[in-house]
Amino acid sequence: MARTRQTTPQTKEERLRKKREAERRRYYRLKQDPVGREQLRQKEIAQYLRKKEKEVIKPIEGTREENENNGENILRSTETRKDR
């Protein structure tokens, strides 16, 4: 009969902490290796392009137009500058 390893029960926070530390070490090793660094960079670029294609990431021009409220913010900002 094989012996089973008895471990202390871990809380969710402990498991998450260990997972984060392992990810940090993995990314550190990748960043130290020139080939790994380039692979990581290409992967991040591909993720960015996929998000941009799905319109999860909005272009800067689009967000500004949505937030302007028909030019009212520009008018307010110029009025406050004149008062100073």
Protein backbone atom coordinates (compact mmCIF):
# COMPACT_ATOMS: atom_id res chain seq x y z
CA MET A 1 0.00 0.00 0.00
CA ALA A 2 1.43 3.36 -1.06
CA ARG A 3 1.69 6.10 1.47
CA THR A 4 -0.07 9.31 0.71
CA ARG A 5 1.53 12.58 1.43
CA GLN A 6 -0.19 14.54 4.15
CA THR A 7 -0.25 18.25 3.53
CA THR A 8 -1.70 21.01 5.56
CA PRO A 9 -4.85 22.47 4.07
CA GLN A 10 -4.15 25.72 2.25
CA THR A 11 -6.43 28.66 2.17
CA LYS A 12 -7.48 30.22 -1.11
CA GLU A 13 -5.24 33.22 -0.42
CA GLU A 14 -2.18 31.01 0.13
CA ARG A 15 -2.78 29.17 -3.16
CA LEU A 16 -3.20 32.46 -5.02
CA ARG A 17 -0.04 33.88 -3.42
CA LYS A 18 1.97 30.82 -4.48
CA LYS A 19 0.53 30.99 -7.98
CA ARG A 20 1.43 34.69 -8.31
CA GLU A 21 4.98 34.03 -7.08
CA ALA A 22 5.39 31.18 -9.58
CA GLU A 23 4.15 33.42 -12.41
CA ARG A 24 6.55 36.18 -11.33
CA ARG A 25 9.48 33.74 -11.38
CA ARG A 26 8.41 32.37 -14.78
CA TYR A 27 8.19 35.86 -16.32
CA TYR A 28 11.54 36.80 -14.77
CA ARG A 29 13.18 33.76 -16.41
CA LEU A 30 11.56 34.61 -19.75
CA LYS A 31 12.71 38.22 -19.58
CA GLN A 32 16.31 37.19 -18.85
CA ASP A 33 16.45 34.99 -21.97
CA PRO A 34 16.64 36.99 -25.26
CA VAL A 35 14.67 34.36 -27.19
CA GLY A 36 12.07 34.09 -24.43
CA ARG A 37 11.80 37.87 -24.21
CA GLU A 38 11.08 38.11 -27.94
CA GLN A 39 8.48 35.32 -27.73
CA LEU A 40 6.78 37.08 -24.81
CA ARG A 41 6.80 40.37 -26.72
CA GLN A 42 5.24 38.76 -29.80
CA LYS A 43 2.59 37.09 -27.64
CA GLU A 44 1.68 40.42 -25.99
CA ILE A 45 1.46 42.14 -29.39
CA ALA A 46 -0.84 39.38 -30.68
CA GLN A 47 -3.07 39.72 -27.59
CA TYR A 48 -3.25 43.49 -28.08
CA LEU A 49 -4.21 43.13 -31.74
CA ARG A 50 -6.91 40.54 -30.92
CA LYS A 51 -8.41 42.86 -28.29
CA LYS A 52 -8.24 45.81 -30.66
CA GLU A 53 -9.97 43.78 -33.37
CA LYS A 54 -12.77 42.81 -30.96
CA GLU A 55 -13.01 46.50 -29.98
CA VAL A 56 -12.29 45.75 -26.33
CA ILE A 57 -9.58 48.40 -26.56
CA LYS A 58 -10.89 51.63 -28.03
CA PRO A 59 -8.70 54.04 -29.96
CA ILE A 60 -7.89 57.30 -28.19
CA GLU A 61 -9.77 59.39 -30.76
CA GLY A 62 -12.99 57.47 -30.14
CA THR A 63 -12.91 57.84 -26.38
CA ARG A 64 -12.32 61.59 -26.54
CA GLU A 65 -15.34 62.16 -28.78
CA GLU A 66 -17.53 60.11 -26.46
CA ASN A 67 -16.44 62.09 -23.40
CA GLU A 68 -16.68 65.60 -24.85
CA ASN A 69 -20.46 65.93 -24.44
CA ASN A 70 -20.82 68.10 -27.55
CA GLY A 71 -17.91 70.39 -26.69
CA GLU A 72 -19.12 71.45 -23.24
CA ASN A 73 -15.94 70.25 -21.52
CA ILE A 74 -13.76 72.31 -23.85
CA LEU A 75 -15.83 75.42 -23.14
CA ARG A 76 -15.58 74.90 -19.37
CA SER A 77 -11.82 74.39 -19.50
CA THR A 78 -11.26 77.63 -21.46
CA GLU A 79 -13.50 79.61 -19.09
CA THR A 80 -11.49 78.55 -16.06
CA ARG A 81 -8.24 79.57 -17.73
CA LYS A 82 -9.52 83.09 -18.43
CA ASP A 83 -10.44 83.60 -14.79
CA ARG A 84 -6.91 83.00 -13.61
